[in-house]
């Protein structure tokens, strides 16, 4: 026979799983509203020259009004709280200018558990969901995770592309059935910090970009960085440029 304590633990675990499922469904209907299957333009393509591609990409990224992003981490843990208890595994979200975003974060919790947290940012307000109740609360002190910082067209991506060095065109490659220009380049530390929402600091990095050959939009980026003397590998996927995302304050806050 199970003890009451065991029953309570089981009930709490079931509640947390249900809460996470509801949170994911309420925060991001990614599969339902994605337009990534829309046919892409195939011509006229940007000249197959590294400088021309980077210049076109800088203009395109600076003019972005909205985008869906997916950031994945592998390798050493990267903490998002001052107590070094929560590590970011991934962030899937949506951004609209000037500074509105929502994201579903998969985080590792001290002890090896994983959970999902919702994050919403509107202008200077940031809310994070409680891992137990799922209710949104003003971002607690000691946490450094603002989803609106994962994509900043004007102050992040455009200057990043404009200040790349040693850009090289590797070639044209197929990425999930789509043609992409593959560019390698070195990115300055200041812009790297901006486009990673301060997760990577004080270091320039070598980045592999896969760029849409007609629009110049960055669709994928991969790079490695140092965190506490260990290697962290990052993959960033960008899609649904220009889509309409209705980002609102959490219901419990708005009401």
C-alpha atoms as a PDB file:
ATOM      1  CA  UNK A   1       0.000   0.000   0.000  1.00  0.00           C
ATOM      2  CA  UNK A   2       1.340   3.440  -0.905  1.00  0.00           C
ATOM      3  CA  UNK A   3       1.795   6.043   1.769  1.00  0.00           C
ATOM      4  CA  UNK A   4       0.053   9.418   1.677  1.00  0.00           C
ATOM      5  CA  UNK A   5       3.431  10.995   0.989  1.00  0.00           C
ATOM      6  CA  UNK A   6       3.862   8.811  -2.081  1.00  0.00           C
ATOM      7  CA  UNK A   7       0.374   9.664  -3.269  1.00  0.00           C
ATOM      8  CA  UNK A   8       1.107  13.367  -2.798  1.00  0.00           C
ATOM      9  CA  UNK A   9       4.347  13.072  -4.741  1.00  0.00           C
ATOM     10  CA  UNK A  10       2.567  11.247  -7.562  1.00  0.00           C
ATOM     11  CA  UNK A  11      -0.204  13.823  -7.621  1.00  0.00           C
ATOM     12  CA  UNK A  12       2.277  16.693  -7.668  1.00  0.00           C
ATOM     13  CA  UNK A  13       4.247  15.054 -10.489  1.00  0.00           C
ATOM     14  CA  UNK A  14       1.068  14.542 -12.507  1.00  0.00           C
ATOM     15  CA  UNK A  15       0.065  18.151 -11.873  1.00  0.00           C
ATOM     16  CA  UNK A  16       3.444  19.426 -13.026  1.00  0.00           C
ATOM     17  CA  UNK A  17       3.249  17.384 -16.235  1.00  0.00           C
ATOM     18  CA  UNK A  18      -0.267  18.618 -16.951  1.00  0.00           C
ATOM     19  CA  UNK A  19       0.763  22.190 -16.182  1.00  0.00           C
ATOM     20  CA  UNK A  20       3.722  21.990 -18.554  1.00  0.00           C
ATOM     21  CA  UNK A  21       1.533  20.556 -21.300  1.00  0.00           C
ATOM     22  CA  UNK A  22      -1.041  23.309 -20.901  1.00  0.00           C
ATOM     23  CA  UNK A  23       1.694  25.927 -20.744  1.00  0.00           C
ATOM     24  CA  UNK A  24       3.238  24.747 -23.989  1.00  0.00           C
ATOM     25  CA  UNK A  25      -0.128  24.661 -25.731  1.00  0.00           C
ATOM     26  CA  UNK A  26      -1.160  28.081 -24.445  1.00  0.00           C
ATOM     27  CA  UNK A  27       2.157  29.823 -24.992  1.00  0.00           C
ATOM     28  CA  UNK A  28       3.238  28.549 -28.378  1.00  0.00           C
ATOM     29  CA  UNK A  29       1.082  26.878 -30.994  1.00  0.00           C
ATOM     30  CA  UNK A  30       4.233  26.345 -33.039  1.00  0.00           C
ATOM     31  CA  UNK A  31       3.151  23.466 -35.213  1.00  0.00           C
ATOM     32  CA  UNK A  32      -0.321  24.839 -35.814  1.00  0.00           C
ATOM     33  CA  UNK A  33       0.647  28.320 -36.922  1.00  0.00           C
ATOM     34  CA  UNK A  34       4.013  27.734 -38.564  1.00  0.00           C
ATOM     35  CA  UNK A  35       4.346  28.951 -42.120  1.00  0.00           C
ATOM     36  CA  UNK A  36       7.724  27.313 -42.672  1.00  0.00           C
ATOM     37  CA  UNK A  37       6.145  25.048 -45.283  1.00  0.00           C
ATOM     38  CA  UNK A  38       5.369  28.025 -47.530  1.00  0.00           C
ATOM     39  CA  UNK A  39       7.207  27.926 -50.849  1.00  0.00           C
ATOM     40  CA  UNK A  40      10.359  30.026 -50.793  1.00  0.00           C
ATOM     41  CA  UNK A  41      11.522  32.384 -53.527  1.00  0.00           C
ATOM     42  CA  UNK A  42      14.130  30.783 -55.756  1.00  0.00           C
ATOM     43  CA  UNK A  43      15.216  33.717 -57.906  1.00  0.00           C
ATOM     44  CA  UNK A  44      16.871  36.030 -58.505  1.00  0.00           C
ATOM     45  CA  UNK A  45      19.608  34.803 -56.194  1.00  0.00           C
ATOM     46  CA  UNK A  46      22.224  36.975 -54.536  1.00  0.00           C
ATOM     47  CA  UNK A  47      25.564  36.715 -56.332  1.00  0.00           C
ATOM     48  CA  UNK A  48      27.584  33.770 -55.044  1.00  0.00           C
ATOM     49  CA  UNK A  49      30.143  36.023 -53.398  1.00  0.00           C
ATOM     50  CA  UNK A  50      30.776  36.173 -49.634  1.00  0.00           C
ATOM     51  CA  UNK A  51      30.773  39.981 -49.446  1.00  0.00           C
ATOM     52  CA  UNK A  52      27.594  40.327 -51.524  1.00  0.00           C
ATOM     53  CA  UNK A  53      25.806  37.693 -49.437  1.00  0.00           C
ATOM     54  CA  UNK A  54      26.827  39.256 -46.130  1.00  0.00           C
ATOM     55  CA  UNK A  55      25.824  42.756 -47.281  1.00  0.00           C
ATOM     56  CA  UNK A  56      22.409  41.524 -48.428  1.00  0.00           C
ATOM     57  CA  UNK A  57      21.958  39.586 -45.205  1.00  0.00           C
ATOM     58  CA  UNK A  58      22.780  42.620 -43.054  1.00  0.00           C
ATOM     59  CA  UNK A  59      20.071  44.616 -44.821  1.00  0.00           C
ATOM     60  CA  UNK A  60      17.544  41.796 -44.578  1.00  0.00           C
ATOM     61  CA  UNK A  61      18.178  41.113 -40.905  1.00  0.00           C
ATOM     62  CA  UNK A  62      18.004  44.785 -39.993  1.00  0.00           C
ATOM     63  CA  UNK A  63      14.623  45.079 -41.735  1.00  0.00           C
ATOM     64  CA  UNK A  64      13.100  42.080 -39.942  1.00  0.00           C
ATOM     65  CA  UNK A  65       9.766  42.808 -38.260  1.00  0.00           C
ATOM     66  CA  UNK A  66       9.077  39.378 -36.779  1.00  0.00           C
ATOM     67  CA  UNK A  67      10.586  35.913 -36.655  1.00  0.00           C
ATOM     68  CA  UNK A  68      10.291  32.524 -35.001  1.00  0.00           C
ATOM     69  CA  UNK A  69      13.458  31.296 -33.281  1.00  0.00           C
ATOM     70  CA  UNK A  70      14.746  28.047 -31.838  1.00  0.00           C
ATOM     71  CA  UNK A  71      17.959  28.013 -29.818  1.00  0.00           C
ATOM     72  CA  UNK A  72      19.538  24.708 -28.757  1.00  0.00           C
ATOM     73  CA  UNK A  73      22.474  24.119 -26.441  1.00  0.00           C
ATOM     74  CA  UNK A  74      24.814  21.137 -26.257  1.00  0.00           C
ATOM     75  CA  UNK A  75      27.902  20.572 -24.172  1.00  0.00           C
ATOM     76  CA  UNK A  76      28.701  22.392 -20.939  1.00  0.00           C
ATOM     77  CA  UNK A  77      25.783  23.727 -18.862  1.00  0.00           C
ATOM     78  CA  UNK A  78      24.893  27.424 -19.139  1.00  0.00           C
ATOM     79  CA  UNK A  79      23.142  28.863 -16.103  1.00  0.00           C
ATOM     80  CA  UNK A  80      20.386  31.471 -16.291  1.00  0.00           C
ATOM     81  CA  UNK A  81      20.188  32.251 -12.567  1.00  0.00           C
ATOM     82  CA  UNK A  82      22.688  33.680 -10.116  1.00  0.00           C
ATOM     83  CA  UNK A  83      22.475  30.556  -7.942  1.00  0.00           C
ATOM     84  CA  UNK A  84      23.668  28.255 -10.767  1.00  0.00           C
ATOM     85  CA  UNK A  85      20.667  25.961 -10.405  1.00  0.00           C
ATOM     86  CA  UNK A  86      18.914  26.338 -13.765  1.00  0.00           C
ATOM     87  CA  UNK A  87      20.612  25.548 -17.064  1.00  0.00           C
ATOM     88  CA  UNK A  88      19.136  26.480 -20.424  1.00  0.00           C
ATOM     89  CA  UNK A  89      18.715  23.512 -22.757  1.00  0.00           C
ATOM     90  CA  UNK A  90      16.615  25.159 -25.455  1.00  0.00           C
ATOM     91  CA  UNK A  91      14.375  28.124 -26.195  1.00  0.00           C
ATOM     92  CA  UNK A  92      11.611  28.127 -28.795  1.00  0.00           C
ATOM     93  CA  UNK A  93       9.793  31.376 -29.326  1.00  0.00           C
ATOM     94  CA  UNK A  94       8.497  34.258 -31.371  1.00  0.00           C
ATOM     95  CA  UNK A  95       9.661  37.864 -31.638  1.00  0.00           C
ATOM     96  CA  UNK A  96       8.127  41.051 -33.026  1.00  0.00           C
ATOM     97  CA  UNK A  97       9.615  44.536 -33.180  1.00  0.00           C
ATOM     98  CA  UNK A  98      10.327  46.622 -31.298  1.00  0.00           C
ATOM     99  CA  UNK A  99      10.638  44.358 -28.240  1.00  0.00           C
ATOM    100  CA  UNK A 100       7.899  41.797 -27.790  1.00  0.00           C
ATOM    101  CA  UNK A 101       8.588  38.086 -27.420  1.00  0.00           C
ATOM    102  CA  UNK A 102       7.377  34.868 -25.902  1.00  0.00           C
ATOM    103  CA  UNK A 103       9.298  31.645 -25.490  1.00  0.00           C
ATOM    104  CA  UNK A 104       9.072  28.165 -24.088  1.00  0.00           C
ATOM    105  CA  UNK A 105      12.291  27.335 -22.274  1.00  0.00           C
ATOM    106  CA  UNK A 106      13.486  23.839 -21.496  1.00  0.00           C
ATOM    107  CA  UNK A 107      15.722  24.074 -18.452  1.00  0.00           C
ATOM    108  CA  UNK A 108      17.716  21.615 -16.420  1.00  0.00           C
ATOM    109  CA  UNK A 109      17.118  21.818 -12.694  1.00  0.00           C
ATOM    110  CA  UNK A 110      19.701  21.103 -10.023  1.00  0.00           C
ATOM    111  CA  UNK A 111      19.668  17.354  -9.500  1.00  0.00           C
ATOM    112  CA  UNK A 112      19.245  16.372 -13.147  1.00  0.00           C
ATOM    113  CA  UNK A 113      15.539  17.044 -13.657  1.00  0.00           C
ATOM    114  CA  UNK A 114      14.206  18.976 -16.647  1.00  0.00           C
ATOM    115  CA  UNK A 115      11.161  21.199 -16.840  1.00  0.00           C
ATOM    116  CA  UNK A 116       9.627  23.839 -19.086  1.00  0.00           C
ATOM    117  CA  UNK A 117       9.181  27.499 -18.270  1.00  0.00           C
ATOM    118  CA  UNK A 118       7.233  30.109 -20.174  1.00  0.00           C
ATOM    119  CA  UNK A 119       8.687  33.571 -20.663  1.00  0.00           C
ATOM    120  CA  UNK A 120       6.957  36.659 -22.040  1.00  0.00           C
ATOM    121  CA  UNK A 121       8.455  40.097 -22.631  1.00  0.00           C
ATOM    122  CA  UNK A 122       6.644  43.279 -23.605  1.00  0.00           C
ATOM    123  CA  UNK A 123       8.814  46.379 -23.717  1.00  0.00           C
ATOM    124  CA  UNK A 124      10.513  46.523 -20.301  1.00  0.00           C
ATOM    125  CA  UNK A 125       8.227  43.981 -18.612  1.00  0.00           C
ATOM    126  CA  UNK A 126       9.314  40.344 -18.366  1.00  0.00           C
ATOM    127  CA  UNK A 127       7.301  37.479 -16.851  1.00  0.00           C
ATOM    128  CA  UNK A 128       8.424  33.925 -16.107  1.00  0.00           C
ATOM    129  CA  UNK A 129       6.131  31.022 -15.292  1.00  0.00           C
ATOM    130  CA  UNK A 130       6.336  29.308 -11.918  1.00  0.00           C
ATOM    131  CA  UNK A 131       7.634  25.729 -12.494  1.00  0.00           C
ATOM    132  CA  UNK A 132       5.096  24.283 -10.026  1.00  0.00           C
ATOM    133  CA  UNK A 133       1.887  26.208 -10.679  1.00  0.00           C
ATOM    134  CA  UNK A 134       2.519  27.378 -14.227  1.00  0.00           C
ATOM    135  CA  UNK A 135       1.328  30.861 -13.258  1.00  0.00           C
ATOM    136  CA  UNK A 136       3.315  33.778 -14.630  1.00  0.00           C
ATOM    137  CA  UNK A 137       5.144  36.075 -12.250  1.00  0.00           C
ATOM    138  CA  UNK A 138       7.305  39.146 -12.756  1.00  0.00           C
ATOM    139  CA  UNK A 139      10.819  37.947 -13.508  1.00  0.00           C
ATOM    140  CA  UNK A 140      12.374  37.240 -10.095  1.00  0.00           C
ATOM    141  CA  UNK A 141      15.588  38.933  -9.066  1.00  0.00           C
ATOM    142  CA  UNK A 142      18.640  36.851  -9.898  1.00  0.00           C
ATOM    143  CA  UNK A 143      17.314  35.495 -13.208  1.00  0.00           C
ATOM    144  CA  UNK A 144      18.753  36.669 -16.516  1.00  0.00           C
ATOM    145  CA  UNK A 145      16.414  35.449 -19.225  1.00  0.00           C
ATOM    146  CA  UNK A 146      14.610  38.050 -21.326  1.00  0.00           C
ATOM    147  CA  UNK A 147      13.105  36.361 -24.438  1.00  0.00           C
ATOM    148  CA  UNK A 148      13.006  39.647 -26.356  1.00  0.00           C
ATOM    149  CA  UNK A 149      16.810  39.669 -26.345  1.00  0.00           C
ATOM    150  CA  UNK A 150      17.056  36.469 -28.386  1.00  0.00           C
ATOM    151  CA  UNK A 151      16.415  38.528 -31.503  1.00  0.00           C
ATOM    152  CA  UNK A 152      17.225  42.204 -31.950  1.00  0.00           C
ATOM    153  CA  UNK A 153      17.241  43.209 -35.637  1.00  0.00           C
ATOM    154  CA  UNK A 154      18.551  46.763 -35.374  1.00  0.00           C
ATOM    155  CA  UNK A 155      21.005  46.532 -32.488  1.00  0.00           C
ATOM    156  CA  UNK A 156      21.951  42.869 -32.796  1.00  0.00           C
ATOM    157  CA  UNK A 157      21.700  41.157 -36.146  1.00  0.00           C
ATOM    158  CA  UNK A 158      22.359  43.995 -38.566  1.00  0.00           C
ATOM    159  CA  UNK A 159      25.573  45.160 -36.841  1.00  0.00           C
ATOM    160  CA  UNK A 160      26.601  41.531 -36.364  1.00  0.00           C
ATOM    161  CA  UNK A 161      26.469  40.864 -40.102  1.00  0.00           C
ATOM    162  CA  UNK A 162      28.080  44.231 -40.899  1.00  0.00           C
ATOM    163  CA  UNK A 163      31.029  43.555 -38.589  1.00  0.00           C
ATOM    164  CA  UNK A 164      31.852  39.975 -39.534  1.00  0.00           C
ATOM    165  CA  UNK A 165      35.456  39.306 -40.484  1.00  0.00           C
ATOM    166  CA  UNK A 166      37.115  36.597 -42.570  1.00  0.00           C
ATOM    167  CA  UNK A 167      33.828  35.745 -44.285  1.00  0.00           C
ATOM    168  CA  UNK A 168      34.133  32.782 -46.642  1.00  0.00           C
ATOM    169  CA  UNK A 169      31.570  31.199 -48.939  1.00  0.00           C
ATOM    170  CA  UNK A 170      31.745  27.437 -48.359  1.00  0.00           C
ATOM    171  CA  UNK A 171      29.186  26.744 -51.064  1.00  0.00           C
ATOM    172  CA  UNK A 172      25.505  26.175 -51.738  1.00  0.00           C
ATOM    173  CA  UNK A 173      23.993  23.413 -49.619  1.00  0.00           C
ATOM    174  CA  UNK A 174      20.676  21.680 -49.123  1.00  0.00           C
ATOM    175  CA  UNK A 175      19.180  22.217 -45.663  1.00  0.00           C
ATOM    176  CA  UNK A 176      15.943  20.302 -45.091  1.00  0.00           C
ATOM    177  CA  UNK A 177      15.063  20.470 -48.758  1.00  0.00           C
ATOM    178  CA  UNK A 178      15.934  24.146 -49.229  1.00  0.00           C
ATOM    179  CA  UNK A 179      18.918  25.736 -50.949  1.00  0.00           C
ATOM    180  CA  UNK A 180      21.165  27.788 -48.646  1.00  0.00           C
ATOM    181  CA  UNK A 181      24.402  29.722 -48.971  1.00  0.00           C
ATOM    182  CA  UNK A 182      26.829  28.391 -46.356  1.00  0.00           C
ATOM    183  CA  UNK A 183      29.068  31.176 -45.018  1.00  0.00           C
ATOM    184  CA  UNK A 184      31.727  30.973 -42.315  1.00  0.00           C
ATOM    185  CA  UNK A 185      32.915  34.103 -40.520  1.00  0.00           C
ATOM    186  CA  UNK A 186      34.224  35.463 -37.241  1.00  0.00           C
ATOM    187  CA  UNK A 187      31.798  37.534 -35.177  1.00  0.00           C
ATOM    188  CA  UNK A 188      32.880  40.239 -32.702  1.00  0.00           C
ATOM    189  CA  UNK A 189      32.273  39.711 -28.987  1.00  0.00           C
ATOM    190  CA  UNK A 190      29.940  42.690 -28.570  1.00  0.00           C
ATOM    191  CA  UNK A 191      27.447  41.506 -31.181  1.00  0.00           C
ATOM    192  CA  UNK A 192      27.699  37.867 -30.090  1.00  0.00           C
ATOM    193  CA  UNK A 193      26.602  38.908 -26.609  1.00  0.00           C
ATOM    194  CA  UNK A 194      23.571  40.717 -28.047  1.00  0.00           C
ATOM    195  CA  UNK A 195      22.311  37.922 -30.331  1.00  0.00           C
ATOM    196  CA  UNK A 196      22.677  35.294 -27.585  1.00  0.00           C
ATOM    197  CA  UNK A 197      20.735  37.323 -24.990  1.00  0.00           C
ATOM    198  CA  UNK A 198      23.956  37.653 -22.947  1.00  0.00           C
ATOM    199  CA  UNK A 199      24.449  33.880 -22.715  1.00  0.00           C
ATOM    200  CA  UNK A 200      27.823  34.217 -24.503  1.00  0.00           C
ATOM    201  CA  UNK A 201      30.033  37.014 -23.210  1.00  0.00           C
ATOM    202  CA  UNK A 202      33.462  38.520 -23.763  1.00  0.00           C
ATOM    203  CA  UNK A 203      34.532  36.374 -26.702  1.00  0.00           C
ATOM    204  CA  UNK A 204      34.470  36.486 -30.449  1.00  0.00           C
ATOM    205  CA  UNK A 205      33.302  33.287 -32.098  1.00  0.00           C
ATOM    206  CA  UNK A 206      33.522  31.579 -35.454  1.00  0.00           C
ATOM    207  CA  UNK A 207      30.015  31.079 -36.860  1.00  0.00           C
ATOM    208  CA  UNK A 208      28.615  28.942 -39.645  1.00  0.00           C
ATOM    209  CA  UNK A 209      25.643  30.655 -41.295  1.00  0.00           C
ATOM    210  CA  UNK A 210      23.123  29.159 -43.698  1.00  0.00           C
ATOM    211  CA  UNK A 211      21.500  32.034 -45.598  1.00  0.00           C
ATOM    212  CA  UNK A 212      18.444  32.102 -47.863  1.00  0.00           C
ATOM    213  CA  UNK A 213      19.972  32.843 -51.303  1.00  0.00           C
ATOM    214  CA  UNK A 214      17.222  35.207 -52.496  1.00  0.00           C
ATOM    215  CA  UNK A 215      16.155  37.122 -49.385  1.00  0.00           C
ATOM    216  CA  UNK A 216      19.467  37.127 -47.491  1.00  0.00           C
ATOM    217  CA  UNK A 217      17.722  35.979 -44.295  1.00  0.00           C
ATOM    218  CA  UNK A 218      19.784  33.912 -41.899  1.00  0.00           C
ATOM    219  CA  UNK A 219      17.957  30.615 -41.474  1.00  0.00           C
ATOM    220  CA  UNK A 220      20.495  28.747 -39.356  1.00  0.00           C
ATOM    221  CA  UNK A 221      23.638  29.520 -37.384  1.00  0.00           C
ATOM    222  CA  UNK A 222      25.981  27.225 -35.486  1.00  0.00           C
ATOM    223  CA  UNK A 223      28.914  28.121 -33.274  1.00  0.00           C
ATOM    224  CA  UNK A 224      30.881  27.022 -30.234  1.00  0.00           C
ATOM    225  CA  UNK A 225      31.795  29.182 -27.251  1.00  0.00           C
ATOM    226  CA  UNK A 226      33.536  28.902 -23.921  1.00  0.00           C
ATOM    227  CA  UNK A 227      31.626  28.807 -20.654  1.00  0.00           C
ATOM    228  CA  UNK A 228      33.703  28.447 -17.517  1.00  0.00           C
ATOM    229  CA  UNK A 229      36.515  26.778 -19.417  1.00  0.00           C
ATOM    230  CA  UNK A 230      34.256  24.220 -21.118  1.00  0.00           C
ATOM    231  CA  UNK A 231      32.846  24.110 -24.645  1.00  0.00           C
ATOM    232  CA  UNK A 232      29.211  24.986 -25.360  1.00  0.00           C
ATOM    233  CA  UNK A 233      27.755  24.294 -28.806  1.00  0.00           C
ATOM    234  CA  UNK A 234      24.855  26.445 -29.977  1.00  0.00           C
ATOM    235  CA  UNK A 235      22.431  25.974 -32.856  1.00  0.00           C
ATOM    236  CA  UNK A 236      20.003  28.730 -33.824  1.00  0.00           C
ATOM    237  CA  UNK A 237      17.148  28.175 -36.286  1.00  0.00           C
ATOM    238  CA  UNK A 238      15.165  31.132 -37.658  1.00  0.00           C
ATOM    239  CA  UNK A 239      11.934  30.874 -39.653  1.00  0.00           C
ATOM    240  CA  UNK A 240       8.586  32.523 -40.407  1.00  0.00           C
ATOM    241  CA  UNK A 241      10.068  35.946 -41.083  1.00  0.00           C
ATOM    242  CA  UNK A 242       7.320  38.574 -41.244  1.00  0.00           C
ATOM    243  CA  UNK A 243       4.611  36.355 -39.718  1.00  0.00           C
ATOM    244  CA  UNK A 244       2.021  37.902 -37.415  1.00  0.00           C
ATOM    245  CA  UNK A 245       2.420  36.861 -33.784  1.00  0.00           C
ATOM    246  CA  UNK A 246      -0.128  38.084 -31.258  1.00  0.00           C
ATOM    247  CA  UNK A 247       2.002  38.436 -28.128  1.00  0.00           C
ATOM    248  CA  UNK A 248      -0.006  39.478 -25.104  1.00  0.00           C
ATOM    249  CA  UNK A 249       0.700  39.766 -21.350  1.00  0.00           C
ATOM    250  CA  UNK A 250      -0.049  36.624 -19.323  1.00  0.00           C
ATOM    251  CA  UNK A 251      -3.778  36.226 -18.632  1.00  0.00           C
ATOM    252  CA  UNK A 252      -3.309  36.380 -14.880  1.00  0.00           C
ATOM    253  CA  UNK A 253      -1.364  39.639 -15.243  1.00  0.00           C
ATOM    254  CA  UNK A 254      -3.715  41.214 -17.795  1.00  0.00           C
ATOM    255  CA  UNK A 255      -6.769  40.442 -15.672  1.00  0.00           C
END
